[in-house]
Amino acid sequence: MTDSNCIFCKIVSGEIPSYKVYEDDAVLAFLDISQTTPGHTLVIPKKHIKNIYDFDAKTAGEVFARIPAIATAIKDSNPEIKGMNIVNDNGELAYQSVFHAHFHLIPRYTKDDDFSIHFGNNENDYNKSKYQAIQDSIINKIRQ
């Protein structure tokens, strides 16, 4: 299953070249062209899946099962790597720019490298009833 307009599907088919670091029947990992930090790698399912919401359990398992080995290989490739962010963007508002599911493995070297994430702390805006309302809303939508 591919999308002829998808740049990642074109990479999977070999129509567009890439710097592959891992490939098997289900998963492809290749260097992100932006190289936010050296070793920045994308891990994608070979099957065209738009985002996290469209994964089936089998394909999710195939992709997620490979991420630790790929992340470890990246870390082991450079002794200066001190950590790694694994990021998955879903939807335009969440900065998804290629609508083929992918996971960014971004090696971290120092606090001054060209990457950051900010988690705002809004706990003072919540109380027990607000937390429980959100909790209940999510629990009621879980699909097994």
N, C-alpha and C. Protein backbone atom coordinates (compact mmCIF):
# COMPACT_ATOMS: atom_id res chain seq x y z
N MET A 1 0.85 -1.17 0.00
CA MET A 1 0.00 0.00 0.00
C MET A 1 0.90 1.24 0.00
N THR A 2 0.86 2.01 -1.07
CA THR A 2 1.66 3.21 -1.19
C THR A 2 0.81 4.36 -1.69
N ASP A 3 1.35 5.56 -1.57
CA ASP A 3 0.72 6.77 -2.09
C ASP A 3 1.69 7.36 -3.10
N SER A 4 1.29 7.45 -4.34
CA SER A 4 2.19 7.90 -5.41
C SER A 4 2.63 9.35 -5.24
N ASN A 5 1.95 10.12 -4.41
CA ASN A 5 2.33 11.52 -4.17
C ASN A 5 3.18 11.70 -2.92
N CYS A 6 3.45 10.61 -2.20
CA CYS A 6 4.15 10.69 -0.91
C CYS A 6 5.66 10.57 -1.10
N ILE A 7 6.40 11.53 -0.59
CA ILE A 7 7.86 11.51 -0.72
C ILE A 7 8.47 10.30 -0.01
N PHE A 8 7.91 9.89 1.13
CA PHE A 8 8.47 8.73 1.83
C PHE A 8 8.16 7.44 1.08
N CYS A 9 6.99 7.34 0.47
CA CYS A 9 6.69 6.17 -0.36
C CYS A 9 7.67 6.09 -1.54
N LYS A 10 8.04 7.26 -2.08
CA LYS A 10 9.01 7.29 -3.17
C LYS A 10 10.40 6.88 -2.69
N ILE A 11 10.72 7.20 -1.45
CA ILE A 11 11.99 6.74 -0.88
C ILE A 11 11.95 5.23 -0.69
N VAL A 12 10.83 4.70 -0.17
CA VAL A 12 10.69 3.25 0.01
C VAL A 12 10.86 2.52 -1.32
N SER A 13 10.27 3.05 -2.39
CA SER A 13 10.33 2.38 -3.70
C SER A 13 11.67 2.57 -4.40
N GLY A 14 12.52 3.46 -3.88
CA GLY A 14 13.81 3.72 -4.51
C GLY A 14 13.75 4.79 -5.58
N GLU A 15 12.58 5.38 -5.76
CA GLU A 15 12.41 6.45 -6.75
C GLU A 15 13.19 7.71 -6.35
N ILE A 16 13.29 7.93 -5.05
CA ILE A 16 14.07 9.04 -4.50
C ILE A 16 15.17 8.42 -3.64
N PRO A 17 16.43 8.83 -3.80
CA PRO A 17 17.51 8.24 -3.01
C PRO A 17 17.45 8.70 -1.55
N SER A 18 18.03 7.89 -0.69
CA SER A 18 18.13 8.24 0.72
C SER A 18 19.39 7.61 1.30
N TYR A 19 19.73 8.01 2.51
CA TYR A 19 20.85 7.44 3.23
C TYR A 19 20.29 6.45 4.24
N LYS A 20 20.05 5.21 3.77
CA LYS A 20 19.44 4.18 4.59
C LYS A 20 20.40 3.71 5.67
N VAL A 21 19.86 3.54 6.88
CA VAL A 21 20.65 2.96 7.97
C VAL A 21 20.08 1.63 8.43
N TYR A 22 18.82 1.34 8.05
CA TYR A 22 18.19 0.06 8.40
C TYR A 22 17.04 -0.19 7.43
N GLU A 23 16.88 -1.47 7.04
CA GLU A 23 15.74 -1.83 6.20
C GLU A 23 15.43 -3.30 6.36
N ASP A 24 14.14 -3.59 6.45
CA ASP A 24 13.65 -4.96 6.38
C ASP A 24 12.33 -4.94 5.62
N ASP A 25 11.56 -6.00 5.70
CA ASP A 25 10.32 -6.08 4.92
C ASP A 25 9.28 -5.04 5.33
N ALA A 26 9.30 -4.60 6.59
CA ALA A 26 8.24 -3.73 7.11
C ALA A 26 8.68 -2.31 7.41
N VAL A 27 9.97 -2.11 7.65
CA VAL A 27 10.46 -0.84 8.20
C VAL A 27 11.67 -0.34 7.41
N LEU A 28 11.74 0.98 7.28
CA LEU A 28 12.90 1.64 6.69
C LEU A 28 13.34 2.76 7.62
N ALA A 29 14.64 2.87 7.84
CA ALA A 29 15.20 3.98 8.61
C ALA A 29 16.27 4.63 7.76
N PHE A 30 16.22 5.97 7.71
CA PHE A 30 17.17 6.70 6.87
C PHE A 30 17.45 8.06 7.52
N LEU A 31 18.59 8.63 7.16
CA LEU A 31 18.97 9.92 7.71
C LEU A 31 17.99 11.00 7.25
N ASP A 32 17.56 11.83 8.20
CA ASP A 32 16.74 12.99 7.87
C ASP A 32 17.63 13.97 7.12
N ILE A 33 17.15 14.49 6.02
CA ILE A 33 17.95 15.39 5.19
C ILE A 33 18.33 16.66 5.96
N SER A 34 17.53 17.05 6.97
CA SER A 34 17.83 18.28 7.73
C SER A 34 18.97 18.10 8.71
N GLN A 35 19.19 16.87 9.19
CA GLN A 35 20.22 16.60 10.20
C GLN A 35 20.19 17.65 11.31
N THR A 36 19.07 17.76 12.00
CA THR A 36 18.93 18.69 13.13
C THR A 36 20.13 18.57 14.05
N THR A 37 20.53 17.35 14.33
CA THR A 37 21.83 17.06 14.94
C THR A 37 22.41 15.88 14.15
N PRO A 38 23.73 15.71 14.15
CA PRO A 38 24.32 14.61 13.37
C PRO A 38 23.77 13.25 13.80
N GLY A 39 23.26 12.51 12.83
CA GLY A 39 22.68 11.20 13.09
C GLY A 39 21.17 11.21 13.13
N HIS A 40 20.54 12.38 12.99
CA HIS A 40 19.08 12.50 12.99
C HIS A 40 18.51 11.54 11.96
N THR A 41 17.73 10.58 12.42
CA THR A 41 17.23 9.49 11.60
C THR A 41 15.72 9.42 11.65
N LEU A 42 15.10 9.05 10.54
CA LEU A 42 13.66 8.82 10.48
C LEU A 42 13.40 7.32 10.39
N VAL A 43 12.44 6.84 11.15
CA VAL A 43 12.02 5.45 11.09
C VAL A 43 10.57 5.45 10.60
N ILE A 44 10.32 4.73 9.51
CA ILE A 44 8.98 4.74 8.90
C ILE A 44 8.51 3.31 8.62
N PRO A 45 7.19 3.11 8.63
CA PRO A 45 6.67 1.86 8.09
C PRO A 45 6.77 1.94 6.56
N LYS A 46 7.08 0.82 5.92
CA LYS A 46 7.14 0.83 4.46
C LYS A 46 5.74 1.01 3.87
N LYS A 47 4.75 0.51 4.57
CA LYS A 47 3.36 0.67 4.15
C LYS A 47 2.95 2.11 4.42
N HIS A 48 2.23 2.73 3.49
CA HIS A 48 1.80 4.12 3.68
C HIS A 48 0.73 4.18 4.77
N ILE A 49 1.09 4.86 5.85
CA ILE A 49 0.18 5.12 6.97
C ILE A 49 0.30 6.61 7.24
N LYS A 50 -0.81 7.30 7.30
CA LYS A 50 -0.78 8.77 7.39
C LYS A 50 -0.20 9.26 8.71
N ASN A 51 -0.61 8.68 9.84
CA ASN A 51 -0.16 9.16 11.15
C ASN A 51 -0.44 8.10 12.20
N ILE A 52 -0.15 8.39 13.44
CA ILE A 52 -0.27 7.43 14.53
C ILE A 52 -1.68 6.89 14.65
N TYR A 53 -2.68 7.69 14.31
CA TYR A 53 -4.08 7.28 14.45
C TYR A 53 -4.47 6.18 13.47
N ASP A 54 -3.71 6.00 12.42
CA ASP A 54 -4.05 5.03 11.39
C ASP A 54 -3.27 3.71 11.49
N PHE A 55 -2.40 3.58 12.48
CA PHE A 55 -1.65 2.34 12.66
C PHE A 55 -2.58 1.22 13.10
N ASP A 56 -2.38 0.02 12.56
CA ASP A 56 -2.99 -1.17 13.14
C ASP A 56 -1.96 -1.75 14.12
N ALA A 57 -2.39 -2.64 14.98
CA ALA A 57 -1.51 -3.16 16.03
C ALA A 57 -0.30 -3.89 15.44
N LYS A 58 -0.49 -4.64 14.37
CA LYS A 58 0.61 -5.40 13.77
C LYS A 58 1.70 -4.46 13.25
N THR A 59 1.32 -3.46 12.48
CA THR A 59 2.30 -2.54 11.91
C THR A 59 2.95 -1.71 13.00
N ALA A 60 2.18 -1.28 13.98
CA ALA A 60 2.76 -0.53 15.11
C ALA A 60 3.81 -1.38 15.80
N GLY A 61 3.49 -2.64 16.03
CA GLY A 61 4.46 -3.53 16.67
C GLY A 61 5.72 -3.70 15.85
N GLU A 62 5.57 -3.80 14.54
CA GLU A 62 6.73 -3.96 13.66
C GLU A 62 7.63 -2.72 13.74
N VAL A 63 7.03 -1.54 13.69
CA VAL A 63 7.82 -0.30 13.72
C VAL A 63 8.43 -0.09 15.10
N PHE A 64 7.60 -0.14 16.13
CA PHE A 64 8.09 0.16 17.48
C PHE A 64 9.13 -0.87 17.95
N ALA A 65 9.02 -2.10 17.50
CA ALA A 65 9.98 -3.13 17.90
C ALA A 65 11.38 -2.85 17.36
N ARG A 66 11.49 -2.13 16.25
CA ARG A 66 12.80 -1.84 15.65
C ARG A 66 13.46 -0.59 16.22
N ILE A 67 12.69 0.31 16.80
CA ILE A 67 13.23 1.59 17.25
C ILE A 67 14.36 1.44 18.29
N PRO A 68 14.25 0.58 19.30
CA PRO A 68 15.37 0.49 20.25
C PRO A 68 16.70 0.09 19.61
N ALA A 69 16.67 -0.86 18.69
CA ALA A 69 17.93 -1.29 18.04
C ALA A 69 18.50 -0.19 17.17
N ILE A 70 17.64 0.52 16.44
CA ILE A 70 18.12 1.61 15.59
C ILE A 70 18.66 2.74 16.47
N ALA A 71 17.94 3.09 17.54
CA ALA A 71 18.40 4.14 18.45
C ALA A 71 19.73 3.77 19.09
N THR A 72 19.87 2.52 19.48
CA THR A 72 21.13 2.07 20.09
C THR A 72 22.27 2.14 19.09
N ALA A 73 22.02 1.76 17.85
CA ALA A 73 23.06 1.85 16.81
C ALA A 73 23.49 3.29 16.60
N ILE A 74 22.53 4.21 16.58
CA ILE A 74 22.87 5.63 16.43
C ILE A 74 23.73 6.08 17.59
N LYS A 75 23.29 5.78 18.82
CA LYS A 75 24.05 6.17 20.02
C LYS A 75 25.46 5.59 19.99
N ASP A 76 25.57 4.31 19.63
CA ASP A 76 26.88 3.65 19.61
C ASP A 76 27.77 4.14 18.47
N SER A 77 27.19 4.83 17.49
CA SER A 77 27.98 5.29 16.35
C SER A 77 28.84 6.51 16.67
N ASN A 78 28.56 7.18 17.78
CA ASN A 78 29.30 8.39 18.11
C ASN A 78 29.38 8.54 19.63
N PRO A 79 30.57 8.46 20.20
CA PRO A 79 30.70 8.54 21.66
C PRO A 79 30.29 9.90 22.23
N GLU A 80 30.11 10.90 21.39
CA GLU A 80 29.71 12.22 21.88
C GLU A 80 28.20 12.33 22.11
N ILE A 81 27.43 11.33 21.64
CA ILE A 81 25.98 11.35 21.85
C ILE A 81 25.70 11.05 23.31
N LYS A 82 25.00 11.98 23.97
CA LYS A 82 24.71 11.87 25.41
C LYS A 82 23.26 11.52 25.70
N GLY A 83 22.40 11.57 24.69
CA GLY A 83 20.99 11.26 24.86
C GLY A 83 20.30 11.24 23.51
N MET A 84 18.98 11.02 23.53
CA MET A 84 18.25 10.99 22.27
C MET A 84 16.79 11.33 22.52
N ASN A 85 16.25 12.18 21.67
CA ASN A 85 14.82 12.43 21.66
C ASN A 85 14.20 11.59 20.56
N ILE A 86 13.06 10.98 20.86
CA ILE A 86 12.29 10.25 19.86
C ILE A 86 10.97 11.00 19.75
N VAL A 87 10.70 11.54 18.56
CA VAL A 87 9.58 12.45 18.37
C VAL A 87 8.70 11.94 17.24
N ASN A 88 7.39 12.03 17.44
CA ASN A 88 6.42 11.67 16.42
C ASN A 88 5.38 12.78 16.35
N ASP A 89 5.28 13.44 15.21
CA ASP A 89 4.33 14.54 15.02
C ASP A 89 3.12 14.02 14.26
N ASN A 90 1.93 14.44 14.70
CA ASN A 90 0.69 13.96 14.08
C ASN A 90 -0.24 15.12 13.81
N GLY A 91 -0.38 15.45 12.52
CA GLY A 91 -1.22 16.57 12.12
C GLY A 91 -0.39 17.83 11.93
N GLU A 92 -0.90 18.69 11.07
CA GLU A 92 -0.19 19.91 10.73
C GLU A 92 0.08 20.78 11.96
N LEU A 93 -0.89 20.90 12.87
CA LEU A 93 -0.70 21.71 14.06
C LEU A 93 0.44 21.19 14.93
N ALA A 94 0.67 19.88 14.87
CA ALA A 94 1.74 19.25 15.66
C ALA A 94 3.05 19.16 14.87
N TYR A 95 3.17 19.95 13.80
CA TYR A 95 4.38 20.06 12.98
C TYR A 95 4.62 18.90 12.04
N GLN A 96 3.61 18.06 11.79
CA GLN A 96 3.80 17.01 10.79
C GLN A 96 3.83 17.67 9.42
N SER A 97 4.90 17.46 8.68
CA SER A 97 5.03 18.07 7.36
C SER A 97 5.00 17.05 6.24
N VAL A 98 5.30 15.79 6.54
CA VAL A 98 5.15 14.71 5.58
C VAL A 98 4.10 13.78 6.16
N PHE A 99 3.03 13.57 5.41
CA PHE A 99 1.90 12.82 5.94
C PHE A 99 2.00 11.33 5.64
N HIS A 100 3.14 10.80 6.07
CA HIS A 100 3.45 9.37 6.12
C HIS A 100 4.05 9.21 7.50
N ALA A 101 3.46 8.37 8.33
CA ALA A 101 3.91 8.23 9.71
C ALA A 101 5.43 8.05 9.79
N HIS A 102 6.05 8.76 10.71
CA HIS A 102 7.49 8.64 10.89
C HIS A 102 7.89 9.07 12.30
N PHE A 103 8.99 8.52 12.73
CA PHE A 103 9.53 8.80 14.06
C PHE A 103 10.93 9.38 13.89
N HIS A 104 11.14 10.53 14.49
CA HIS A 104 12.45 11.18 14.47
C HIS A 104 13.28 10.65 15.62
N LEU A 105 14.45 10.14 15.34
CA LEU A 105 15.42 9.79 16.37
C LEU A 105 16.50 10.86 16.29
N ILE A 106 16.53 11.73 17.31
CA ILE A 106 17.38 12.91 17.27
C ILE A 106 18.44 12.79 18.36
N PRO A 107 19.68 12.47 17.97
CA PRO A 107 20.75 12.38 18.96
C PRO A 107 21.00 13.73 19.62
N ARG A 108 21.33 13.68 20.90
CA ARG A 108 21.60 14.90 21.64
C ARG A 108 23.05 14.88 22.11
N TYR A 109 23.72 15.97 21.85
CA TYR A 109 25.14 16.11 22.15
C TYR A 109 25.37 17.07 23.33
N THR A 110 24.69 18.19 23.30
CA THR A 110 24.79 19.19 24.37
C THR A 110 23.45 19.90 24.50
N LYS A 111 23.29 20.66 25.56
CA LYS A 111 22.08 21.46 25.72
C LYS A 111 22.03 22.59 24.70
N ASP A 112 23.14 22.87 24.05
CA ASP A 112 23.23 23.96 23.09
C ASP A 112 23.10 23.52 21.64
N ASP A 113 22.73 22.23 21.41
CA ASP A 113 22.56 21.82 20.01
C ASP A 113 21.26 22.43 19.46
N ASP A 114 20.98 22.18 18.22
CA ASP A 114 19.90 22.89 17.53
C ASP A 114 18.55 22.19 17.68
N PHE A 115 18.17 21.82 18.92
CA PHE A 115 16.89 21.16 19.15
C PHE A 115 16.43 21.45 20.57
N SER A 116 15.13 21.65 20.72
CA SER A 116 14.58 21.84 22.06
C SER A 116 13.10 21.47 22.07
N ILE A 117 12.63 21.11 23.24
CA ILE A 117 11.22 20.84 23.49
C ILE A 117 10.87 21.60 24.76
N HIS A 118 9.68 22.18 24.77
CA HIS A 118 9.24 22.90 25.97
C HIS A 118 7.94 22.27 26.46
N PHE A 119 7.92 21.84 27.70
CA PHE A 119 6.70 21.34 28.33
C PHE A 119 6.23 22.38 29.33
N GLY A 120 5.15 23.06 29.03
CA GLY A 120 4.59 24.03 29.97
C GLY A 120 4.01 23.33 31.18
N ASN A 121 4.09 23.97 32.33
CA ASN A 121 3.52 23.41 33.56
C ASN A 121 2.25 24.18 33.88
N ASN A 122 1.11 23.55 33.64
CA ASN A 122 -0.19 24.17 33.88
C ASN A 122 -0.95 23.52 35.03
N GLU A 123 -0.23 22.84 35.92
CA GLU A 123 -0.90 22.09 36.98
C GLU A 123 -1.75 22.97 37.90
N ASN A 124 -1.41 24.24 38.01
CA ASN A 124 -2.20 25.13 38.87
C ASN A 124 -3.58 25.42 38.29
N ASP A 125 -3.79 25.09 37.00
CA ASP A 125 -5.08 25.29 36.35
C ASP A 125 -6.00 24.08 36.52
N TYR A 126 -5.53 23.03 37.18
CA TYR A 126 -6.28 21.79 37.30
C TYR A 126 -6.52 21.43 38.76
N ASN A 127 -7.65 20.76 38.97
CA ASN A 127 -7.94 20.19 40.28
C ASN A 127 -8.39 18.75 40.05
N LYS A 128 -8.73 18.06 41.13
CA LYS A 128 -9.08 16.64 41.04
C LYS A 128 -10.22 16.40 40.05
N SER A 129 -11.24 17.23 40.07
CA SER A 129 -12.39 17.00 39.17
C SER A 129 -12.02 17.22 37.70
N LYS A 130 -11.16 18.19 37.40
CA LYS A 130 -10.73 18.41 36.01
C LYS A 130 -9.89 17.24 35.51
N TYR A 131 -8.96 16.76 36.37
CA TYR A 131 -8.15 15.60 35.98
C TYR A 131 -9.05 14.39 35.73
N GLN A 132 -10.02 14.17 36.62
CA GLN A 132 -10.90 13.00 36.48
C GLN A 132 -11.78 13.11 35.24
N ALA A 133 -12.23 14.31 34.90
CA ALA A 133 -13.05 14.49 33.69
C ALA A 133 -12.25 14.13 32.44
N ILE A 134 -10.99 14.58 32.39
CA ILE A 134 -10.12 14.23 31.25
C ILE A 134 -9.86 12.73 31.23
N GLN A 135 -9.53 12.19 32.40
CA GLN A 135 -9.27 10.75 32.52
C GLN A 135 -10.47 9.95 32.01
N ASP A 136 -11.66 10.28 32.47
CA ASP A 136 -12.87 9.55 32.06
C ASP A 136 -13.12 9.67 30.56
N SER A 137 -12.92 10.85 30.02
CA SER A 137 -13.13 11.08 28.60
C SER A 137 -12.21 10.19 27.76
N ILE A 138 -10.97 10.06 28.17
CA ILE A 138 -10.01 9.23 27.44
C ILE A 138 -10.35 7.75 27.62
N ILE A 139 -10.61 7.33 28.84
CA ILE A 139 -10.95 5.92 29.11
C ILE A 139 -12.15 5.48 28.27
N ASN A 140 -13.13 6.34 28.14
CA ASN A 140 -14.34 6.01 27.38
C ASN A 140 -14.09 5.87 25.89
N LYS A 141 -12.95 6.32 25.40
CA LYS A 141 -12.65 6.24 23.96
C LYS A 141 -11.58 5.20 23.62
N ILE A 142 -11.03 4.54 24.63
CA ILE A 142 -10.00 3.52 24.37
C ILE A 142 -10.61 2.37 23.56
N ARG A 143 -9.95 2.04 22.46
CA ARG A 143 -10.37 0.90 21.63
C ARG A 143 -9.36 -0.22 21.84
N GLN A 144 -9.86 -1.37 22.12
CA GLN A 144 -8.97 -2.52 22.36
C GLN A 144 -8.72 -3.29 21.09
